[in-house]
Amino acid sequence: MKKAKLILDRDYIVSAVDPRIYGSFVEHLGRCVYTGIYEPGHPLADESGFRRDVLELVKKLGVPIVRYPGGNYVSGFRWEDAIGPKENRPRRLDLAWKTTETNEVGIHEFCEWARKAGSDVMYAVNLGTRGPEDARNLVEYANHPGGSFWSDLRKRNGAADPFGIKLWCLGNEMDGPWQMGSKTAYEYGRVANEAAKMMKWTDDSIEVVACGSSSTTMKTFGEWEYTVLSECYENVDYVSLHRYYGNPHNDTPDFLASTMDLEDFIRTVAAICDAVKGRKHASKQVNLSLDEWNVWYHSHEQDEQLHKREPWGTALPLLEDVYNFEDALLVGLMLITILKNADRVKVACMAQLVNVIAPIMTRPGGGAWAQTIYWPLLHASTMGRGISLKTVLTSEKTDTKHYNDVPVVDAAAVQAKDGTVTVFAVNRDLEEPAELTLDLRSFGLAAPKKHIVLHHDNVNAVNTEDRPEEVKPVEVPCRLEDGKLILPAASWNVIRF
């Protein structure tokens, strides 16, 4: 049996957990919006066309914020196309995903959906084919009370009260050649600075996120962040990180070690932010928005074939990864990594929410169900709010194809306002259980309340509409003997005290 030890102390903390780290993402891509959150003809559609079954699954997750409307999509999007009477809204070719957008859902509809879901909106502006003036106009339309052109137009379009959107993305992945209107770091930094300035002059209560490099594999990674922040540091609040992982070669141990890379990615970008802060002699700290993260690789080949068969289709089934049990383990490990870096990661959005690389799947006209990755996000979101505690963790280690000294057990811990301590732990070993010794030295007689386990004997097991509970969590007896707890092989664990 593998062994690990976790020491927690109430006085040793990482940071308060910003609830927005449990956010998600809805892009006008594939079936995320149409036949995902919105399907007017569905038997369970409400009076506005939103699927009630999807809303219920989203509300159970407790998603505090949802990034919208893209993604690559936003770099060619005219927000004015999606306001006013639906019958007057133009159909547009979306160059990002080679599809046709009907603009049936826009800012009014999405803000209504977000209210029903209990979520705030994180809105991305187009800094690809458009610029600061268009972004400023959108802030006025969304947030100004009235008495101006754009705010009065919002009222005439049916929203008397402002939408009150407080968090805005300054474009998306602007270093990527796949992006409409992609820019050099200096070009983007200048545009982002002017957009942020004008948007905040319109509403000084908002926060903004500057685009970080779209990947560490970009040749300009690091240099991009430094140059961009050198131009806009004073006017931005966060810099974005995007990270996806895959297991195309069926190497599960290496796949589950991927969060070693995520940890390094977060710390590197935080260091660059602090380098710019130091050079500018600034007092404020720019933090991180991990506003796209997930597993993504299952659907690549099918998407290539679909684009060839149906170019410019509407609501095509793109990026519909069917997630298996090992994907749920990695999602749990990514959440653990985010919690351990809660002092710098203040926003995180699992990409995406419905159908498109998502924890929730739907069938047009049919059911909605939770994928395997739904469960770690639900557990962390509902039980991981409070103070992230510093984890002093010792564990047996192993080497994989790309990573060395990978801990067999990884863990994070959160103390809630009521004093409850929740430990999230993953045993990466596929064959052997792990004995975890818990030392809660300053918590007195901390009594174990609950132990939830997500495990399946087959790492390739999936949930489907017909078998929605093939992979699901179970509560097991919380046997804590001499401070020791057994974590089953290949398992996500939630232990509450």
Protein backbone atom coordinates (compact mmCIF):
# COMPACT_ATOMS: atom_id res chain seq x y z
CA MET A 1 0.00 0.00 0.00
CA LYS A 2 1.29 3.47 -0.91
CA LYS A 3 1.67 5.98 1.93
CA ALA A 4 1.20 9.72 2.24
CA LYS A 5 0.91 12.24 5.07
CA LEU A 6 -0.98 15.52 5.11
CA ILE A 7 -0.40 18.16 7.79
CA LEU A 8 -2.87 21.03 8.17
CA ASP A 9 -2.78 23.98 10.58
CA ARG A 10 -5.53 26.58 10.92
CA ASP A 11 -2.94 29.38 11.02
CA TYR A 12 -1.17 28.34 7.81
CA ILE A 13 -3.32 29.51 4.94
CA VAL A 14 -2.92 30.10 1.23
CA SER A 15 -5.73 32.60 0.77
CA ALA A 16 -9.45 33.07 0.91
CA VAL A 17 -11.01 31.08 -1.92
CA ASP A 18 -12.59 33.35 -4.51
CA PRO A 19 -15.85 31.53 -5.41
CA ARG A 20 -15.29 32.52 -9.05
CA ILE A 21 -12.70 29.74 -9.38
CA TYR A 22 -15.70 27.43 -9.83
CA GLY A 23 -16.88 29.28 -12.92
CA SER A 24 -17.65 27.94 -16.36
CA PHE A 25 -17.85 29.04 -19.99
CA VAL A 26 -20.58 29.27 -22.62
CA GLU A 27 -19.44 30.01 -26.17
CA HIS A 28 -21.48 30.26 -29.35
CA LEU A 29 -19.85 27.07 -30.52
CA GLY A 30 -21.39 23.75 -31.48
CA ARG A 31 -24.40 22.88 -29.34
CA CYS A 32 -23.42 24.76 -26.21
CA VAL A 33 -26.10 27.44 -26.68
CA TYR A 34 -28.53 26.02 -29.24
CA THR A 35 -29.94 22.66 -28.05
CA GLY A 36 -27.70 23.06 -25.01
CA ILE A 37 -28.94 25.80 -22.69
CA TYR A 38 -31.54 27.01 -25.21
CA GLU A 39 -34.06 24.85 -27.09
CA PRO A 40 -37.48 26.49 -27.42
CA GLY A 41 -39.20 23.41 -28.82
CA HIS A 42 -38.02 21.09 -26.05
CA PRO A 43 -40.69 19.56 -23.76
CA LEU A 44 -38.85 21.00 -20.74
CA ALA A 45 -38.24 24.48 -22.22
CA ASP A 46 -39.44 27.40 -20.10
CA GLU A 47 -41.30 30.43 -21.43
CA SER A 48 -38.01 31.89 -22.75
CA GLY A 49 -36.84 28.70 -24.44
CA PHE A 50 -34.29 27.66 -21.81
CA ARG A 51 -34.08 23.98 -20.92
CA ARG A 52 -35.17 23.47 -17.32
CA ASP A 53 -33.32 20.15 -17.04
CA VAL A 54 -30.05 21.85 -17.94
CA LEU A 55 -30.74 24.72 -15.55
CA GLU A 56 -31.24 22.26 -12.72
CA LEU A 57 -27.91 20.54 -13.39
CA VAL A 58 -26.16 23.94 -13.57
CA LYS A 59 -27.76 25.14 -10.34
CA LYS A 60 -26.60 22.00 -8.54
CA LEU A 61 -23.03 22.86 -9.57
CA GLY A 62 -23.40 26.30 -7.99
CA VAL A 63 -21.57 27.94 -10.89
CA PRO A 64 -20.86 31.50 -9.66
CA ILE A 65 -19.79 33.04 -12.97
CA VAL A 66 -19.99 32.11 -16.66
CA ARG A 67 -17.70 33.49 -19.36
CA TYR A 68 -19.57 34.48 -22.54
CA PRO A 69 -19.87 34.62 -25.65
CA GLY A 70 -16.40 33.27 -26.54
CA GLY A 71 -13.72 32.07 -27.07
CA ASN A 72 -12.50 32.27 -30.64
CA TYR A 73 -16.04 33.20 -31.63
CA VAL A 74 -15.83 36.61 -29.95
CA SER A 75 -13.01 37.87 -32.18
CA GLY A 76 -15.44 38.26 -35.09
CA PHE A 77 -18.63 38.98 -33.14
CA ARG A 78 -20.70 42.16 -33.49
CA TRP A 79 -22.67 42.38 -30.25
CA GLU A 80 -25.20 44.71 -31.88
CA ASP A 81 -26.29 41.82 -34.14
CA ALA A 82 -27.78 40.02 -31.13
CA ILE A 83 -30.01 42.74 -29.64
CA GLY A 84 -33.46 43.98 -30.60
CA PRO A 85 -36.30 41.95 -32.14
CA LYS A 86 -35.16 38.43 -32.99
CA GLU A 87 -36.78 38.52 -36.40
CA ASN A 88 -34.51 41.45 -37.36
CA ARG A 89 -31.26 39.87 -36.21
CA PRO A 90 -28.87 38.93 -39.05
CA ARG A 91 -27.48 35.48 -39.68
CA ARG A 92 -23.68 35.68 -39.80
CA LEU A 93 -20.92 33.33 -40.91
CA ASP A 94 -18.71 32.47 -37.94
CA LEU A 95 -15.18 32.17 -39.29
CA ALA A 96 -13.85 30.77 -36.01
CA TRP A 97 -15.80 27.51 -36.20
CA LYS A 98 -16.98 27.47 -39.86
CA THR A 99 -20.64 27.61 -38.86
CA THR A 100 -23.60 29.99 -39.20
CA GLU A 101 -24.75 32.03 -36.20
CA THR A 102 -28.44 32.97 -36.00
CA ASN A 103 -27.96 35.53 -33.17
CA GLU A 104 -31.16 34.22 -31.61
CA VAL A 105 -29.45 34.38 -28.22
CA GLY A 106 -27.63 37.58 -27.30
CA ILE A 107 -26.76 39.60 -24.22
CA HIS A 108 -30.39 40.06 -23.10
CA GLU A 109 -31.22 36.37 -23.35
CA PHE A 110 -27.96 35.21 -21.81
CA CYS A 111 -28.19 37.56 -18.84
CA GLU A 112 -31.74 36.28 -18.26
CA TRP A 113 -30.46 32.69 -18.38
CA ALA A 114 -27.60 33.51 -15.99
CA ARG A 115 -30.03 35.00 -13.46
CA LYS A 116 -32.09 31.82 -13.60
CA ALA A 117 -28.93 29.74 -13.15
CA GLY A 118 -27.79 31.84 -10.19
CA SER A 119 -24.62 32.93 -12.01
CA ASP A 120 -22.91 36.21 -12.78
CA VAL A 121 -21.71 36.98 -16.30
CA MET A 122 -18.08 37.39 -17.37
CA TYR A 123 -18.38 39.07 -20.76
CA ALA A 124 -15.67 38.98 -23.44
CA VAL A 125 -15.38 41.92 -25.85
CA ASN A 126 -14.12 41.70 -29.44
CA LEU A 127 -10.60 43.13 -29.71
CA GLY A 128 -9.87 41.12 -32.85
CA THR A 129 -11.89 42.72 -35.66
CA ARG A 130 -13.13 45.58 -33.45
CA GLY A 131 -11.67 47.94 -30.88
CA PRO A 132 -11.94 50.06 -27.72
CA GLU A 133 -14.90 52.20 -28.86
CA ASP A 134 -17.09 49.15 -29.53
CA ALA A 135 -16.10 47.70 -26.16
CA ARG A 136 -16.90 50.94 -24.37
CA ASN A 137 -20.27 51.14 -26.08
CA LEU A 138 -21.10 47.63 -24.90
CA VAL A 139 -20.27 48.51 -21.28
CA GLU A 140 -22.55 51.53 -21.56
CA TYR A 141 -25.32 49.39 -23.05
CA ALA A 142 -24.97 46.74 -20.34
CA ASN A 143 -24.25 48.76 -17.22
CA HIS A 144 -25.24 52.44 -17.51
CA PRO A 145 -28.53 53.25 -15.74
CA GLY A 146 -29.98 55.45 -18.49
CA GLY A 147 -29.99 58.85 -20.12
CA SER A 148 -27.46 57.98 -22.82
CA PHE A 149 -27.77 56.56 -26.34
CA TRP A 150 -26.70 53.00 -25.62
CA SER A 151 -28.35 52.66 -22.20
CA ASP A 152 -31.63 54.04 -23.53
CA LEU A 153 -31.42 51.57 -26.44
CA ARG A 154 -31.13 48.75 -23.89
CA LYS A 155 -34.30 50.04 -22.24
CA ARG A 156 -36.14 50.18 -25.54
CA ASN A 157 -35.02 46.59 -26.11
CA GLY A 158 -36.77 45.49 -22.95
CA ALA A 159 -34.22 45.76 -20.11
CA ALA A 160 -35.12 48.71 -17.90
CA ASP A 161 -32.43 47.86 -15.36
CA PRO A 162 -28.73 47.52 -16.18
CA PHE A 163 -27.30 44.02 -16.48
CA GLY A 164 -24.56 44.94 -14.00
CA ILE A 165 -21.75 42.89 -15.57
CA LYS A 166 -18.69 43.37 -13.37
CA LEU A 167 -16.00 41.22 -15.03
CA TRP A 168 -14.89 41.66 -18.66
CA CYS A 169 -12.37 39.86 -20.87
CA LEU A 170 -10.32 42.02 -23.22
CA GLY A 171 -10.52 39.71 -26.23
CA ASN A 172 -9.46 36.08 -26.49
CA GLU A 173 -6.13 34.35 -27.30
CA MET A 174 -4.96 37.33 -29.29
CA ASP A 175 -1.49 35.83 -29.91
CA GLY A 176 -2.96 32.92 -31.88
CA PRO A 177 -2.72 32.95 -35.70
CA TRP A 178 -6.07 31.10 -35.67
CA GLN A 179 -7.63 34.19 -34.10
CA MET A 180 -9.45 36.78 -36.21
CA GLY A 181 -7.49 40.01 -35.85
CA SER A 182 -4.55 38.39 -34.05
CA LYS A 183 -1.91 40.82 -32.85
CA THR A 184 1.66 41.11 -31.68
CA ALA A 185 2.15 41.53 -27.95
CA TYR A 186 2.81 45.26 -28.31
CA GLU A 187 -0.21 45.79 -30.60
CA TYR A 188 -2.50 43.91 -28.25
CA GLY A 189 -1.07 45.53 -25.12
CA ARG A 190 -1.78 49.00 -26.51
CA VAL A 191 -5.33 48.13 -27.61
CA ALA A 192 -6.08 46.34 -24.32
CA ASN A 193 -4.85 49.33 -22.35
CA GLU A 194 -7.04 51.79 -24.26
CA ALA A 195 -10.07 49.48 -24.11
CA ALA A 196 -9.66 48.93 -20.37
CA LYS A 197 -9.27 52.66 -19.80
CA MET A 198 -12.39 53.61 -21.75
CA MET A 199 -14.46 50.75 -20.33
CA LYS A 200 -13.56 51.76 -16.77
CA TRP A 201 -14.20 55.41 -17.50
CA THR A 202 -17.71 54.30 -18.52
CA ASP A 203 -18.16 52.16 -15.38
CA ASP A 204 -15.47 52.43 -12.70
CA SER A 205 -16.86 49.42 -10.79
CA ILE A 206 -15.78 46.82 -13.36
CA GLU A 207 -12.70 44.57 -13.48
CA VAL A 208 -10.96 43.45 -16.67
CA VAL A 209 -8.87 40.47 -17.79
CA ALA A 210 -6.01 40.87 -20.27
CA CYS A 211 -5.17 37.99 -22.61
CA GLY A 212 -2.18 35.96 -21.60
CA SER A 213 -0.46 33.72 -24.10
CA SER A 214 -2.84 31.08 -25.43
CA SER A 215 -0.38 28.28 -24.58
CA THR A 216 3.06 27.64 -23.13
CA THR A 217 3.90 26.02 -26.47
CA MET A 218 3.71 29.40 -28.22
CA LYS A 219 7.18 30.67 -29.10
CA THR A 220 6.36 34.00 -27.50
CA PHE A 221 5.08 32.58 -24.20
CA GLY A 222 6.47 34.61 -21.32
CA GLU A 223 7.64 37.39 -23.58
CA TRP A 224 3.99 37.93 -24.56
CA GLU A 225 2.81 38.35 -20.96
CA TYR A 226 5.70 40.65 -20.08
CA THR A 227 5.21 42.92 -23.10
CA VAL A 228 1.41 43.04 -22.81
CA LEU A 229 1.50 43.85 -19.10
CA SER A 230 4.19 46.45 -19.66
CA GLU A 231 1.62 48.32 -21.79
CA CYS A 232 -1.55 47.81 -19.74
CA TYR A 233 -0.58 46.85 -16.17
CA GLU A 234 -2.05 49.96 -14.59
CA ASN A 235 -5.51 49.40 -16.10
CA VAL A 236 -6.04 45.62 -15.88
CA ASP A 237 -6.84 43.39 -12.93
CA TYR A 238 -6.12 39.87 -14.19
CA VAL A 239 -4.21 38.08 -16.92
CA SER A 240 -5.72 34.97 -18.49
CA LEU A 241 -4.35 31.43 -18.68
CA HIS A 242 -5.78 28.68 -20.89
CA ARG A 243 -4.85 25.04 -20.42
CA TYR A 244 -6.20 21.77 -21.81
CA TYR A 245 -4.79 18.27 -21.38
CA GLY A 246 -5.28 15.05 -23.32
CA ASN A 247 -4.32 11.39 -23.30
CA PRO A 248 -4.15 10.49 -27.01
CA HIS A 249 -1.51 7.79 -26.43
CA ASN A 250 -3.43 6.00 -23.67
CA ASP A 251 -0.76 6.60 -21.04
CA THR A 252 -2.87 7.11 -17.92
CA PRO A 253 -0.04 7.63 -15.39
CA ASP A 254 1.49 10.36 -17.56
CA PHE A 255 -1.94 11.89 -18.16
CA LEU A 256 -2.66 12.07 -14.43
CA ALA A 257 0.71 13.74 -13.88
CA SER A 258 -0.26 16.65 -16.15
CA THR A 259 -1.05 18.91 -13.23
CA MET A 260 2.68 19.14 -12.56
CA ASP A 261 2.68 21.24 -15.72
CA LEU A 262 -0.33 23.29 -14.58
CA GLU A 263 1.39 24.12 -11.29
CA ASP A 264 4.46 25.35 -13.15
CA PHE A 265 2.31 27.33 -15.62
CA ILE A 266 0.49 29.19 -12.83
CA ARG A 267 3.66 30.01 -10.93
CA THR A 268 5.47 31.18 -14.07
CA VAL A 269 2.74 33.61 -15.12
CA ALA A 270 2.39 34.91 -11.55
CA ALA A 271 6.15 35.56 -11.51
CA ILE A 272 5.93 37.51 -14.77
CA CYS A 273 3.11 39.62 -13.35
CA ASP A 274 5.26 40.39 -10.32
CA ALA A 275 8.27 41.20 -12.50
CA VAL A 276 6.26 43.86 -14.31
CA LYS A 277 4.91 45.10 -10.98
CA GLY A 278 8.45 45.50 -9.71
CA ARG A 279 9.71 47.24 -12.84
CA LYS A 280 6.84 49.71 -12.68
CA HIS A 281 7.15 50.21 -8.89
CA ALA A 282 3.42 49.46 -8.77
CA SER A 283 1.48 48.91 -5.57
CA LYS A 284 -1.34 46.80 -7.00
CA GLN A 285 -1.08 43.09 -7.78
CA VAL A 286 -2.37 41.62 -11.04
CA ASN A 287 -3.82 38.16 -10.42
CA LEU A 288 -4.71 35.24 -12.66
CA SER A 289 -7.85 34.16 -14.49
CA LEU A 290 -7.64 30.52 -15.61
CA ASP A 291 -10.67 31.16 -17.78
CA GLU A 292 -10.34 28.07 -19.98
CA TRP A 293 -9.34 24.72 -18.51
CA ASN A 294 -10.38 21.11 -19.02
CA VAL A 295 -9.57 17.83 -20.73
CA TRP A 296 -9.93 18.10 -24.51
CA TYR A 297 -8.83 15.59 -27.10
CA HIS A 298 -11.50 12.94 -27.67
CA SER A 299 -13.40 14.80 -30.40
CA HIS A 300 -10.58 16.10 -32.64
CA GLU A 301 -10.88 13.55 -35.43
CA GLN A 302 -14.69 13.58 -35.58
CA ASP A 303 -14.70 17.39 -35.72
CA GLU A 304 -12.40 17.40 -38.75
CA GLN A 305 -14.76 15.06 -40.58
CA LEU A 306 -17.84 17.03 -39.55
CA HIS A 307 -16.46 20.30 -40.88
CA LYS A 308 -15.78 18.65 -44.22
CA ARG A 309 -19.33 17.22 -44.42
CA GLU A 310 -21.30 20.20 -43.13
CA PRO A 311 -19.49 23.52 -43.57
CA TRP A 312 -21.44 26.56 -42.35
CA GLY A 313 -24.07 24.45 -40.56
CA THR A 314 -25.92 25.68 -37.48
CA ALA A 315 -25.44 24.18 -34.00
CA LEU A 316 -23.22 21.37 -35.28
CA PRO A 317 -22.13 18.74 -32.69
CA LEU A 318 -18.57 20.06 -32.39
CA LEU A 319 -16.08 19.37 -29.57
CA GLU A 320 -18.42 16.86 -27.95
CA ASP A 321 -15.86 14.97 -25.90
CA VAL A 322 -17.37 11.98 -24.09
CA TYR A 323 -15.47 11.98 -20.81
CA ASN A 324 -14.36 8.83 -19.06
CA PHE A 325 -13.40 8.10 -15.47
CA GLU A 326 -9.71 8.97 -15.83
CA ASP A 327 -10.75 12.40 -17.15
CA ALA A 328 -12.68 12.94 -13.92
CA LEU A 329 -9.53 12.13 -11.93
CA LEU A 330 -7.54 14.71 -13.88
CA VAL A 331 -10.27 17.33 -13.43
CA GLY A 332 -10.10 16.64 -9.69
CA LEU A 333 -6.33 17.08 -9.76
CA MET A 334 -6.70 20.36 -11.66
CA LEU A 335 -9.16 21.63 -9.05
CA ILE A 336 -6.70 20.67 -6.31
CA THR A 337 -3.98 22.64 -8.11
CA ILE A 338 -6.24 25.67 -8.46
CA LEU A 339 -7.07 25.58 -4.74
CA LYS A 340 -3.41 25.30 -3.78
CA ASN A 341 -2.81 28.48 -5.79
CA ALA A 342 -5.85 30.39 -4.55
CA ASP A 343 -3.65 33.33 -3.60
CA ARG A 344 -3.14 34.11 -7.31
CA VAL A 345 -5.89 32.27 -9.20
CA LYS A 346 -9.02 34.32 -8.52
CA VAL A 347 -11.13 33.25 -11.51
CA ALA A 348 -11.28 29.88 -13.26
CA CYS A 349 -13.75 28.72 -15.90
CA MET A 350 -14.13 25.07 -16.84
CA ALA A 351 -14.55 25.13 -20.61
CA GLN A 352 -17.31 24.65 -21.39
CA LEU A 353 -20.62 24.12 -19.58
CA VAL A 354 -22.94 22.16 -21.89
CA ASN A 355 -22.20 19.71 -24.76
CA VAL A 356 -18.95 21.39 -25.89
CA ILE A 357 -16.09 19.79 -23.86
CA ALA A 358 -18.54 19.96 -21.00
CA PRO A 359 -19.67 18.36 -17.73
CA ILE A 360 -23.30 18.41 -18.93
CA MET A 361 -24.59 16.72 -22.10
CA THR A 362 -27.96 16.94 -23.82
CA ARG A 363 -29.80 15.29 -26.66
CA PRO A 364 -31.92 17.58 -28.85
CA GLY A 365 -35.49 16.94 -27.82
CA GLY A 366 -34.26 14.41 -25.26
CA GLY A 367 -32.54 14.11 -21.92
CA ALA A 368 -29.71 15.86 -20.10
CA TRP A 369 -27.11 14.08 -17.99
CA ALA A 370 -23.92 14.62 -16.02
CA GLN A 371 -20.62 13.46 -17.48
CA THR A 372 -17.93 11.99 -15.24
CA ILE A 373 -16.14 15.34 -14.85
CA TYR A 374 -19.30 16.90 -13.38
CA TRP A 375 -18.70 15.30 -10.01
CA PRO A 376 -15.33 16.74 -8.93
CA LEU A 377 -16.49 20.22 -9.98
CA LEU A 378 -19.73 19.83 -8.02
CA HIS A 379 -17.88 18.65 -4.90
CA ALA A 380 -15.29 21.43 -5.04
CA SER A 381 -17.84 24.13 -5.80
CA THR A 382 -20.26 23.14 -3.06
CA MET A 383 -17.74 22.11 -0.37
CA GLY A 384 -14.60 24.05 -1.29
CA ARG A 385 -15.53 27.59 -0.29
CA GLY A 386 -13.81 29.37 2.56
CA ILE A 387 -10.07 29.50 3.30
CA SER A 388 -7.59 27.44 1.32
CA LEU A 389 -5.22 25.89 3.85
CA LYS A 390 -1.55 25.34 3.15
CA THR A 391 -1.02 21.63 2.66
CA VAL A 392 2.21 20.12 3.94
CA LEU A 393 2.07 16.88 1.99
CA THR A 394 4.58 14.08 1.84
CA SER A 395 3.87 11.22 -0.51
CA GLU A 396 5.60 8.39 -2.25
CA LYS A 397 6.55 9.50 -5.75
CA THR A 398 6.85 8.04 -9.20
CA ASP A 399 8.17 8.97 -12.63
CA THR A 400 6.17 9.02 -15.87
CA LYS A 401 7.09 9.60 -19.50
CA HIS A 402 7.15 13.41 -19.20
CA TYR A 403 7.23 14.06 -15.45
CA ASN A 404 9.51 13.14 -12.56
CA ASP A 405 8.80 12.89 -8.85
CA VAL A 406 5.04 12.82 -9.25
CA PRO A 407 3.30 12.45 -5.86
CA VAL A 408 1.09 9.37 -5.74
CA VAL A 409 -1.35 11.34 -3.58
CA ASP A 410 -2.19 14.98 -4.17
CA ALA A 411 -4.49 17.00 -1.93
CA ALA A 412 -5.92 20.42 -1.09
CA ALA A 413 -7.91 21.54 1.94
CA VAL A 414 -10.47 24.26 2.64
CA GLN A 415 -11.90 25.50 5.93
CA ALA A 416 -15.45 26.83 5.71
CA LYS A 417 -16.93 29.64 7.81
CA ASP A 418 -18.61 27.11 10.11
CA GLY A 419 -15.25 25.50 10.90
CA THR A 420 -15.74 22.44 8.70
CA VAL A 421 -12.49 21.30 7.07
CA THR A 422 -12.78 19.58 3.70
CA VAL A 423 -9.89 17.65 2.20
CA PHE A 424 -9.91 16.90 -1.53
CA ALA A 425 -7.49 14.11 -2.43
CA VAL A 426 -6.65 11.98 -5.46
CA ASN A 427 -4.81 8.69 -5.37
CA ARG A 428 -3.04 8.52 -8.76
CA ASP A 429 -1.98 4.89 -8.36
CA LEU A 430 -4.08 2.71 -10.64
CA GLU A 431 -3.46 -0.56 -8.77
CA GLU A 432 -2.93 0.08 -5.06
CA PRO A 433 -4.87 1.97 -2.38
CA ALA A 434 -3.01 4.63 -0.44
CA GLU A 435 -2.84 5.11 3.30
CA LEU A 436 -3.22 8.82 4.02
CA THR A 437 -2.18 9.99 7.49
CA LEU A 438 -4.00 13.18 8.45
CA ASP A 439 -2.39 15.48 11.02
CA LEU A 440 -4.84 18.26 11.91
CA ARG A 441 -2.65 19.42 14.78
CA SER A 442 -4.35 22.75 15.58
CA PHE A 443 -7.96 21.68 15.06
CA GLY A 444 -8.38 19.80 18.31
CA LEU A 445 -10.77 16.88 18.21
CA ALA A 446 -11.75 17.20 14.56
CA ALA A 447 -14.36 14.51 14.03
CA PRO A 448 -14.67 12.88 10.59
CA LYS A 449 -18.15 13.56 9.18
CA LYS A 450 -18.12 12.20 5.67
CA HIS A 451 -15.97 10.41 3.09
CA ILE A 452 -17.11 10.58 -0.55
CA VAL A 453 -15.33 8.48 -3.17
CA LEU A 454 -15.47 8.63 -6.96
CA HIS A 455 -14.00 5.42 -8.37
CA HIS A 456 -14.52 2.95 -11.18
CA ASP A 457 -12.58 -0.21 -11.96
CA ASN A 458 -12.44 0.79 -15.64
CA VAL A 459 -10.69 4.11 -16.32
CA ASN A 460 -12.50 4.26 -19.67
CA ALA A 461 -16.00 4.05 -18.17
CA VAL A 462 -18.38 6.82 -19.30
CA ASN A 463 -21.84 8.15 -18.47
CA THR A 464 -24.49 8.20 -21.19
CA GLU A 465 -28.15 9.16 -21.46
CA ASP A 466 -29.07 5.48 -21.03
CA ARG A 467 -26.53 4.89 -18.23
CA PRO A 468 -26.17 8.31 -16.54
CA GLU A 469 -24.85 6.87 -13.27
CA GLU A 470 -22.21 4.46 -14.55
CA VAL A 471 -19.61 6.69 -12.89
CA LYS A 472 -20.95 8.40 -9.80
CA PRO A 473 -19.71 9.22 -6.29
CA VAL A 474 -20.64 7.14 -3.27
CA GLU A 475 -20.38 7.86 0.43
CA VAL A 476 -18.31 5.29 2.31
CA PRO A 477 -17.78 4.79 6.04
CA CYS A 478 -15.27 7.35 7.28
CA ARG A 479 -12.87 5.01 9.05
CA LEU A 480 -10.13 7.11 10.60
CA GLU A 481 -7.82 4.94 12.71
CA ASP A 482 -4.82 6.61 14.36
CA GLY A 483 -5.33 9.50 11.95
CA LYS A 484 -5.07 7.16 8.96
CA LEU A 485 -7.55 6.93 6.09
CA ILE A 486 -7.53 4.61 3.09
CA LEU A 487 -7.88 6.13 -0.39
CA PRO A 488 -8.90 3.50 -2.96
CA ALA A 489 -6.73 3.02 -6.04
CA ALA A 490 -7.47 5.54 -8.80
CA SER A 491 -9.90 7.63 -6.78
CA TRP A 492 -11.15 11.16 -6.14
CA ASN A 493 -11.91 11.63 -2.44
CA VAL A 494 -13.74 14.23 -0.39
CA ILE A 495 -13.15 13.97 3.37
CA ARG A 496 -15.00 16.34 5.72
CA PHE A 497 -14.23 17.07 9.39
